Protein backbone atom coordinates (compact mmCIF):
# COMPACT_ATOMS: atom_id res chain seq x y z
CA MET A 1 -23.98 32.38 -10.54
CA ILE A 2 -21.48 31.51 -7.80
CA GLN A 3 -24.12 29.42 -6.04
CA GLU A 4 -24.60 27.30 -9.16
CA ILE A 5 -20.86 26.70 -9.44
CA ILE A 6 -20.69 25.61 -5.79
CA VAL A 7 -23.65 23.26 -6.30
CA TYR A 8 -22.01 21.73 -9.39
CA ILE A 9 -18.76 21.24 -7.49
CA ILE A 10 -20.58 19.52 -4.62
CA ILE A 11 -22.49 17.28 -7.03
CA GLY A 12 -19.22 16.42 -8.81
CA VAL A 13 -17.48 15.51 -5.55
CA VAL A 14 -20.39 13.31 -4.44
CA PHE A 15 -20.44 11.62 -7.85
CA LEU A 16 -16.70 10.91 -7.67
CA ILE A 17 -17.06 9.44 -4.17
CA LEU A 18 -19.90 7.17 -5.34
CA VAL A 19 -17.95 6.03 -8.42
CA ARG A 20 -14.87 5.33 -6.33
CA GLY A 21 -16.90 3.30 -3.83
CA ALA A 22 -18.58 1.29 -6.58
CA PHE A 23 -15.22 0.66 -8.24
CA LYS A 24 -13.71 -0.59 -4.98
CA MET A 25 -16.74 -2.81 -4.34
CA PHE A 26 -16.53 -4.48 -7.76
CA MET A 27 -12.73 -4.78 -7.75
CA LYS A 28 -12.54 -6.33 -4.28
CA LYS A 29 -10.69 -9.62 -4.28
CA GLY A 30 -12.91 -12.60 -3.61
CA ASP A 31 -13.14 -13.98 -0.12
CA SER A 32 -13.01 -17.75 0.04
CA SER A 33 -14.66 -18.01 3.44
CA GLY A 34 -18.37 -18.61 3.86
CA CYS A 35 -18.74 -15.34 5.77
CA ALA A 36 -17.61 -13.18 2.83
CA GLY A 37 -16.03 -10.58 5.07
CA CYS A 38 -18.68 -10.57 7.79
CA SER A 39 -16.85 -9.64 10.99
CA GLY A 40 -19.87 -9.64 13.32
CA CYS A 41 -20.87 -13.23 12.80
CA ASP A 42 -22.84 -15.00 15.53
CA ILE A 43 -21.68 -18.39 14.23
CA LYS A 44 -18.26 -18.72 15.82
CA PRO A 45 -16.45 -21.88 16.82
CA THR A 46 -16.56 -22.29 20.59
CA SER A 47 -14.83 -25.60 21.13
CA LYS A 48 -11.97 -27.46 19.48
CA GLU A 49 -14.42 -29.75 17.68
CA ASP A 50 -16.32 -26.76 16.29
CA LYS A 51 -13.16 -25.17 14.93
CA ASP A 52 -12.74 -28.08 12.51
CA ASN A 53 -16.35 -27.69 11.28
CA LYS A 54 -16.50 -24.20 9.81
CA PRO A 55 -19.93 -22.78 8.89
CA ASN A 56 -20.99 -22.74 5.23
CA SER A 57 -22.65 -19.36 5.52
CA CYS A 58 -22.60 -16.54 8.00
CA CYS A 59 -24.91 -13.83 9.32
CA HIS A 60 -27.66 -14.39 6.75
């Protein structure tokens, strides 16, 4: 009996973590950049001329 209660508590905690993560993902404010939050982008401006020409998409 106690084992079932512990299992239900663990399942409930995991479910709450998943719901919270999904809620944060859908409620995230939009990012206007082409990278959409990608911080490990290989397309980075290297010269002054490149800084004026930002990429349309990033990492994909």
